Amino acid sequence: MKVMLEGGLMRLVTFRRGPDLRPGALVDDRILDLRAAFAHHEREAGRDASEGSVRARYGASVLEFIERAEVARPIAEELLAQAGRLPEEIFLPLASAELVAPIPRPTSMRDGYAFRQHVESARRNRGLPMIPEFDLFPVFYFTNHQAVVGPGPLPVGPLHRERLDFELEAAIVVGRMGKNLRASEADAYIFGYMIMNDWSARAVQMEEMKLSLGPAKGKDFATGLGPVLVTCDELADRRIPGPRGDRYDLVMTASVNGRQLSSGNLRDMHWTFAELLERISDGVTVFPGDVIGSGTVGTGCLLELNGSKITDNQWLQPGDHVSLSIERLGTLENTIVAAD
C-alpha cells in the first residue's frame, strides 16, 4: 500500500502494540507511529515531550487527531514530508502490524441507503415496486458504534449466523462540528473516506422489520471499518464535483473465498454524502469522528445476489473469507468464526 507525501495527502490507521492501540500514518510499506513522531517533533522544538503533553496537543488516537486537526494535521504533514530523515525506531513494517479499525469507537455511526440499484433490485426481488419516497430525501439509520470491527477474524454467535451477509459500502468520517449544513458546503466537513462492511443477520432482520422498526438486532453485532482512513485530498483526481455534492470514481468489489461476487462504483450513489450530511444535520449537530455509511452498492450483498439468481441461496458460513475492496481505500478482509 503506497502513500504520496506531497499536498497534505494522508492515510491513517490504528494499530495494536501490546495492549495499546496507537494512531499511525502509512509511508509506503511502513507505518509512522504518530504518537512517537509527535513526541520527537516536540523534543526537536524544545517543548515538553511527555506523554500527557503530547496527547493534550495532538491526541493519542485517530479520533483525537481529527478532533485536534487544526493543530495536529499540519505537523503530521510536515513529519510525513521529512519521513526519510526521521528516526527509524518511530516506524514499524506494515506487513507485521496488527491493524484494527481506523476509528475503533466512533462518536456515532449512521448508515445511509444511497444506491438506487440496490434499492430497486432488493424491492423487485421481493415483488415490490420502487418506493417513490426514495427520491424525496436520503434516509439513514443509527447502528451500533460500540461494535466496530477491523480486519481479521469475525466471531459471530448463533443468532446472527442464520443467513449471515456482508454489505459492500463506503463511509465518511466527519471532520468538523456542524449543524444545518447545506449540500453545497457539506463536503468541506468530511475528513476522509474508508470501507464499510455492514454485516447483516438477515433472518433476524427480516423478522424484526415486519414490526416497522429497525434494522436493529439484525445489524447490532458488527460493522467493519477500514483498514485505512484516506483523507479527501488523496482522492482529488477521482472527484466528480456537482451541485449536490462530490462523487468519486472508485471501483468497488467484494469476494467470498476468492470468488468475486460484487462489482460497482462509488460514483453511482444517487444521494451524495453531502446530501446525507444535509439531511442528518438538519436541526442536529454532527461531530468530528461521526461515521456515515453510503448504504450498499448495487450487487453488494448476498440478499440482492440471491434474489437476482446470481447466487443460489448462498449465505456466509464459519470459515468463509470475505474481502471488500475500494480503489484507493484498500481492502478489508475478514474470516467468519463461530462463536458461542
Protein backbone atom coordinates (compact mmCIF):
# COMPACT_ATOMS: atom_id res chain seq x y z
CA MET A 1 0.00 0.00 0.00
CA LYS A 2 1.59 3.27 -1.16
CA VAL A 3 1.23 6.83 0.07
CA MET A 4 2.08 10.06 -1.71
CA LEU A 5 3.62 12.64 0.54
CA GLU A 6 3.04 15.96 -1.17
CA GLY A 7 -0.03 18.17 -0.86
CA GLY A 8 -1.16 17.07 2.59
CA LEU A 9 -2.14 13.58 1.47
CA MET A 10 -2.63 11.12 4.30
CA ARG A 11 -3.67 7.53 5.03
CA LEU A 12 -4.36 6.92 8.69
CA VAL A 13 -4.50 3.60 10.52
CA THR A 14 -4.86 2.33 14.06
CA PHE A 15 -2.51 -0.48 15.03
CA ARG A 16 -2.08 -2.63 18.11
CA ARG A 17 1.13 -2.58 20.10
CA GLY A 18 0.71 -4.94 23.05
CA PRO A 19 -2.48 -3.87 24.85
CA ASP A 20 -2.21 -0.38 23.38
CA LEU A 21 -3.98 0.96 20.28
CA ARG A 22 -1.94 3.65 18.54
CA PRO A 23 -2.53 6.02 15.60
CA GLY A 24 -0.30 5.79 12.55
CA ALA A 25 0.17 7.14 9.05
CA LEU A 26 1.21 4.97 6.11
CA VAL A 27 4.51 5.75 4.41
CA ASP A 28 4.98 3.28 1.57
CA ASP A 29 5.28 -0.15 3.28
CA ARG A 30 5.78 1.26 6.79
CA ILE A 31 3.66 2.85 9.48
CA LEU A 32 4.77 6.08 11.09
CA ASP A 33 3.82 5.85 14.78
CA LEU A 34 2.18 9.24 15.18
CA ARG A 35 2.44 9.38 18.96
CA ALA A 36 6.18 8.75 18.78
CA ALA A 37 6.53 11.13 15.82
CA PHE A 38 4.75 13.96 17.64
CA ALA A 39 6.93 13.40 20.73
CA HIS A 40 10.03 13.58 18.51
CA HIS A 41 8.75 16.83 16.98
CA GLU A 42 8.16 18.37 20.41
CA ARG A 43 11.66 17.42 21.59
CA GLU A 44 13.20 18.90 18.46
CA ALA A 45 11.22 22.11 19.07
CA GLY A 46 12.42 22.30 22.66
CA ARG A 47 8.96 21.71 24.13
CA ASP A 48 7.58 19.27 26.68
CA ALA A 49 7.54 15.83 25.00
CA SER A 50 5.92 13.95 27.88
CA GLU A 51 3.05 11.60 27.05
CA GLY A 52 0.45 13.82 28.72
CA SER A 53 1.62 16.97 26.96
CA VAL A 54 1.77 15.30 23.53
CA ARG A 55 -1.68 13.80 23.99
CA ALA A 56 -3.19 17.13 25.03
CA ARG A 57 -1.77 18.85 21.95
CA TYR A 58 -2.07 16.18 19.25
CA GLY A 59 -4.30 13.42 20.62
CA ALA A 60 -3.48 9.77 21.27
CA SER A 61 -5.82 8.17 18.71
CA VAL A 62 -7.04 8.81 15.17
CA LEU A 63 -10.28 10.19 16.62
CA GLU A 64 -8.42 12.60 18.89
CA PHE A 65 -6.16 13.54 15.95
CA ILE A 66 -9.26 14.50 13.94
CA GLU A 67 -10.64 16.49 16.87
CA ARG A 68 -7.33 18.41 17.05
CA ALA A 69 -6.73 18.50 13.29
CA GLU A 70 -6.25 22.27 13.12
CA VAL A 71 -3.05 21.85 15.17
CA ALA A 72 -2.16 18.19 14.61
CA ARG A 73 -2.60 17.79 10.88
CA PRO A 74 -0.09 20.42 9.69
CA ILE A 75 2.57 18.89 11.96
CA ALA A 76 1.72 15.39 10.74
CA GLU A 77 2.05 16.56 7.13
CA GLU A 78 5.42 18.13 7.97
CA LEU A 79 6.59 14.88 9.55
CA LEU A 80 5.44 12.83 6.56
CA ALA A 81 7.25 15.18 4.18
CA GLN A 82 10.52 14.57 6.04
CA ALA A 83 9.90 10.87 6.71
CA GLY A 84 13.29 9.91 5.27
CA ARG A 85 15.05 11.94 7.96
CA LEU A 86 13.06 10.70 10.96
CA PRO A 87 14.45 8.15 13.45
CA GLU A 88 13.91 4.59 12.27
CA GLU A 89 12.54 3.49 15.65
CA ILE A 90 9.34 5.50 15.20
CA PHE A 91 8.38 3.35 12.18
CA LEU A 92 7.21 -0.25 12.01
CA PRO A 93 6.70 -2.53 9.00
CA LEU A 94 3.14 -2.54 7.69
CA ALA A 95 3.38 -6.28 6.92
CA SER A 96 3.95 -7.19 10.56
CA ALA A 97 1.47 -4.71 12.10
CA GLU A 98 -1.89 -5.76 13.52
CA LEU A 99 -4.38 -3.23 12.17
CA VAL A 100 -7.76 -2.60 13.74
CA ALA A 101 -10.49 -0.22 12.53
CA PRO A 102 -9.08 3.30 11.98
CA ILE A 103 -11.64 4.62 14.48
CA PRO A 104 -12.46 1.68 16.77
CA ARG A 105 -15.15 3.61 18.69
CA PRO A 106 -16.70 6.39 16.60
CA THR A 107 -18.62 9.17 18.32
CA SER A 108 -21.70 7.92 16.46
CA MET A 109 -22.42 5.77 13.41
CA ARG A 110 -25.18 6.13 10.84
CA ASP A 111 -25.77 4.21 7.62
CA GLY A 112 -27.48 5.57 4.53
CA TYR A 113 -29.46 4.00 1.68
CA ALA A 114 -27.96 5.93 -1.23
CA PHE A 115 -27.58 3.50 -4.16
CA ARG A 116 -30.72 3.26 -6.31
CA GLN A 117 -29.67 -0.01 -7.99
CA HIS A 118 -29.52 -1.83 -4.65
CA VAL A 119 -32.89 -0.47 -3.51
CA GLU A 120 -34.61 -1.27 -6.83
CA SER A 121 -33.17 -4.79 -7.01
CA ALA A 122 -33.95 -5.63 -3.38
CA ARG A 123 -37.57 -4.48 -3.78
CA ARG A 124 -38.04 -6.15 -7.16
CA ASN A 125 -36.76 -9.43 -5.73
CA ARG A 126 -39.49 -9.19 -3.07
CA GLY A 127 -42.16 -8.44 -5.68
CA LEU A 128 -42.42 -4.77 -4.67
CA PRO A 129 -42.37 -1.67 -6.89
CA MET A 130 -39.72 1.02 -6.40
CA ILE A 131 -40.76 3.17 -3.47
CA PRO A 132 -41.31 6.79 -4.65
CA GLU A 133 -40.20 8.26 -1.33
CA PHE A 134 -36.65 7.20 -2.18
CA ASP A 135 -36.39 10.28 -4.42
CA LEU A 136 -37.71 12.72 -1.82
CA PHE A 137 -34.91 12.62 0.75
CA PRO A 138 -31.93 10.45 1.75
CA VAL A 139 -32.79 8.04 4.54
CA PHE A 140 -30.46 6.59 7.17
CA TYR A 141 -30.49 4.66 10.44
CA PHE A 142 -28.27 4.60 13.52
CA THR A 143 -26.17 1.50 14.07
CA ASN A 144 -24.05 0.25 16.96
CA HIS A 145 -20.90 2.40 17.19
CA GLN A 146 -19.67 0.20 20.04
CA ALA A 147 -19.50 -2.91 17.82
CA VAL A 148 -16.97 -1.74 15.23
CA VAL A 149 -14.50 -4.31 13.91
CA GLY A 150 -11.46 -4.03 11.68
CA PRO A 151 -9.73 -6.66 9.55
CA GLY A 152 -9.22 -10.19 10.84
CA PRO A 153 -11.35 -12.94 12.40
CA LEU A 154 -15.01 -12.04 12.97
CA PRO A 155 -16.64 -14.09 15.76
CA VAL A 156 -20.39 -14.45 15.14
CA GLY A 157 -22.85 -16.05 17.55
CA PRO A 158 -25.66 -18.48 16.63
CA LEU A 159 -28.41 -15.85 16.46
CA HIS A 160 -26.55 -13.80 13.86
CA ARG A 161 -25.16 -16.69 11.81
CA GLU A 162 -28.56 -17.57 10.29
CA ARG A 163 -28.43 -16.13 6.76
CA LEU A 164 -25.31 -14.09 7.55
CA ASP A 165 -24.49 -11.48 4.91
CA PHE A 166 -21.91 -8.83 4.04
CA GLU A 167 -22.68 -5.38 2.61
CA LEU A 168 -20.17 -3.54 0.43
CA GLU A 169 -20.19 0.17 1.31
CA ALA A 170 -18.03 3.26 1.67
CA ALA A 171 -18.13 5.51 4.70
CA ILE A 172 -17.09 9.05 5.53
CA VAL A 173 -15.72 10.41 8.79
CA VAL A 174 -16.90 13.88 9.80
CA GLY A 175 -14.01 16.24 10.43
CA ARG A 176 -15.71 19.38 11.75
CA MET A 177 -18.61 20.18 14.02
CA GLY A 178 -21.61 21.48 12.08
CA LYS A 179 -25.37 21.92 12.14
CA ASN A 180 -27.99 22.72 9.48
CA LEU A 181 -25.47 22.16 6.69
CA ARG A 182 -26.28 22.73 3.04
CA ALA A 183 -25.25 20.11 0.50
CA SER A 184 -23.33 22.80 -1.37
CA GLU A 185 -21.00 23.25 1.62
CA ALA A 186 -21.13 19.88 3.37
CA ASP A 187 -18.17 18.25 1.56
CA ALA A 188 -15.90 20.66 3.46
CA TYR A 189 -16.98 18.89 6.68
CA ILE A 190 -15.74 15.47 5.50
CA PHE A 191 -12.33 14.44 6.86
CA GLY A 192 -11.91 11.27 4.84
CA TYR A 193 -13.21 8.02 3.38
CA MET A 194 -12.90 4.32 4.25
CA ILE A 195 -14.50 0.95 3.50
CA MET A 196 -17.56 -0.15 5.48
CA ASN A 197 -18.92 -3.68 5.78
CA ASP A 198 -22.43 -3.52 7.23
CA TRP A 199 -22.58 -7.11 8.48
CA SER A 200 -26.19 -8.31 8.46
CA ALA A 201 -28.06 -11.20 10.07
CA ARG A 202 -30.85 -11.48 7.51
CA ALA A 203 -33.07 -13.98 9.36
CA VAL A 204 -33.27 -11.71 12.41
CA GLN A 205 -33.51 -8.55 10.31
CA MET A 206 -36.42 -9.78 8.18
CA GLU A 207 -38.44 -10.80 11.23
CA GLU A 208 -37.89 -7.63 13.24
CA MET A 209 -38.60 -5.30 10.30
CA LYS A 210 -42.10 -6.76 9.97
CA LEU A 211 -42.81 -4.59 13.02
CA SER A 212 -41.85 -1.44 11.02
CA LEU A 213 -38.94 -0.70 13.31
CA GLY A 214 -35.31 -1.36 12.59
CA PRO A 215 -33.00 -2.74 11.46
CA ALA A 216 -31.63 -3.20 14.95
CA LYS A 217 -30.80 -6.70 16.21
CA GLY A 218 -30.03 -7.83 12.67
CA LYS A 219 -27.21 -5.27 12.49
CA ASP A 220 -26.02 -4.62 16.04
CA PHE A 221 -23.33 -7.30 16.34
CA ALA A 222 -20.63 -5.92 13.97
CA THR A 223 -19.80 -3.20 11.46
CA GLY A 224 -16.48 -3.44 9.66
CA LEU A 225 -14.42 -0.28 9.03
CA GLY A 226 -11.01 0.20 7.45
CA PRO A 227 -8.34 -0.82 7.21
CA VAL A 228 -7.31 2.73 6.21
CA LEU A 229 -8.88 6.18 6.58
CA VAL A 230 -7.94 8.19 3.49
CA THR A 231 -8.15 11.99 3.51
CA CYS A 232 -10.26 13.60 0.81
CA ASP A 233 -7.33 15.31 -0.91
CA GLU A 234 -5.78 11.96 -1.78
CA LEU A 235 -8.86 11.22 -3.91
CA ALA A 236 -8.90 14.58 -5.71
CA ASP A 237 -8.08 13.16 -9.16
CA ARG A 238 -11.15 10.87 -8.92
CA ARG A 239 -13.53 13.59 -7.68
CA ILE A 240 -16.66 14.33 -9.73
CA PRO A 241 -17.96 17.70 -8.49
CA GLY A 242 -21.63 18.53 -8.80
CA PRO A 243 -24.26 20.94 -7.49
CA ARG A 244 -25.47 18.33 -4.99
CA GLY A 245 -22.00 17.45 -3.71
CA ASP A 246 -18.96 15.46 -4.76
CA ARG A 247 -18.90 11.92 -6.07
CA TYR A 248 -15.81 9.77 -6.59
CA ASP A 249 -14.98 7.41 -9.45
CA LEU A 250 -13.79 4.45 -7.37
CA VAL A 251 -14.40 0.81 -8.32
CA MET A 252 -15.91 -1.31 -5.53
CA THR A 253 -15.69 -5.13 -5.41
CA ALA A 254 -16.50 -7.93 -2.97
CA SER A 255 -15.25 -11.52 -2.97
CA VAL A 256 -16.07 -14.57 -0.88
CA ASN A 257 -13.42 -17.31 -0.66
CA GLY A 258 -11.57 -15.75 -3.60
CA ARG A 259 -14.59 -15.60 -5.91
CA GLN A 260 -15.69 -12.10 -6.90
CA LEU A 261 -19.44 -11.68 -6.41
CA SER A 262 -19.97 -7.91 -6.38
CA SER A 263 -18.86 -5.02 -8.55
CA GLY A 264 -19.93 -1.37 -8.53
CA ASN A 265 -18.65 2.18 -8.39
CA LEU A 266 -18.90 4.84 -5.71
CA ARG A 267 -19.82 7.44 -8.33
CA ASP A 268 -23.21 5.71 -8.74
CA MET A 269 -24.56 6.99 -5.41
CA HIS A 270 -27.97 8.53 -6.11
CA TRP A 271 -27.69 10.60 -2.93
CA THR A 272 -24.25 12.13 -2.30
CA PHE A 273 -22.57 12.17 1.09
CA ALA A 274 -23.11 15.94 1.07
CA GLU A 275 -26.86 15.38 0.75
CA LEU A 276 -26.75 12.79 3.52
CA LEU A 277 -24.98 15.35 5.71
CA GLU A 278 -27.58 17.98 4.87
CA ARG A 279 -30.37 15.65 5.96
CA ILE A 280 -28.55 14.34 9.04
CA SER A 281 -27.54 17.80 10.30
CA ASP A 282 -31.00 19.36 9.92
CA GLY A 283 -31.58 20.55 13.49
CA VAL A 284 -28.83 18.22 14.72
CA THR A 285 -25.11 18.75 15.36
CA VAL A 286 -22.60 16.42 13.73
CA PHE A 287 -19.25 15.99 15.46
CA PRO A 288 -15.69 15.10 14.46
CA GLY A 289 -15.44 11.33 14.39
CA ASP A 290 -19.06 10.66 13.38
CA VAL A 291 -19.15 7.87 10.76
CA ILE A 292 -21.74 7.82 7.95
CA GLY A 293 -22.09 4.89 5.56
CA SER A 294 -23.24 5.07 1.95
CA GLY A 295 -25.54 2.09 2.01
CA THR A 296 -24.96 -0.97 -0.16
CA VAL A 297 -23.69 -0.56 -3.71
CA GLY A 298 -25.63 -2.42 -6.40
CA THR A 299 -24.86 -6.21 -6.28
CA GLY A 300 -23.07 -5.54 -2.96
CA CYS A 301 -24.70 -8.21 -0.75
CA LEU A 302 -25.89 -11.81 -0.87
CA LEU A 303 -29.50 -10.79 -0.20
CA GLU A 304 -29.57 -8.96 -3.52
CA LEU A 305 -27.46 -11.52 -5.37
CA ASN A 306 -29.61 -14.46 -4.22
CA GLY A 307 -32.81 -12.65 -5.15
CA SER A 308 -31.41 -11.87 -8.60
CA LYS A 309 -30.36 -15.55 -9.04
CA ILE A 310 -26.70 -14.54 -9.43
CA THR A 311 -26.01 -16.77 -6.44
CA ASP A 312 -28.10 -19.74 -5.30
CA ASN A 313 -29.29 -19.18 -1.72
CA GLN A 314 -25.71 -18.55 -0.65
CA TRP A 315 -25.07 -17.22 2.86
CA LEU A 316 -21.87 -16.83 4.84
CA GLN A 317 -20.66 -19.76 6.94
CA PRO A 318 -17.90 -20.18 9.54
CA GLY A 319 -14.58 -20.37 7.72
CA ASP A 320 -15.67 -18.13 4.84
CA HIS A 321 -13.24 -15.38 3.89
CA VAL A 322 -14.84 -12.07 2.87
CA SER A 323 -12.83 -9.42 1.05
CA LEU A 324 -14.16 -5.92 0.26
CA SER A 325 -12.08 -3.58 -1.91
CA ILE A 326 -12.50 0.04 -2.99
CA GLU A 327 -9.92 1.73 -5.20
CA ARG A 328 -7.58 4.00 -3.18
CA LEU A 329 -9.18 2.85 0.09
CA GLY A 330 -7.58 -0.59 0.24
CA THR A 331 -9.05 -4.00 1.08
CA LEU A 332 -10.96 -5.02 4.22
CA GLU A 333 -10.68 -8.76 4.88
CA ASN A 334 -12.46 -10.88 7.49
CA THR A 335 -12.87 -14.58 8.19
CA ILE A 336 -16.11 -15.77 9.83
CA VAL A 337 -15.59 -17.64 13.10
CA ALA A 338 -18.35 -19.45 15.00
CA ALA A 339 -18.76 -18.02 18.50
CA ASP A 340 -20.86 -19.43 21.36
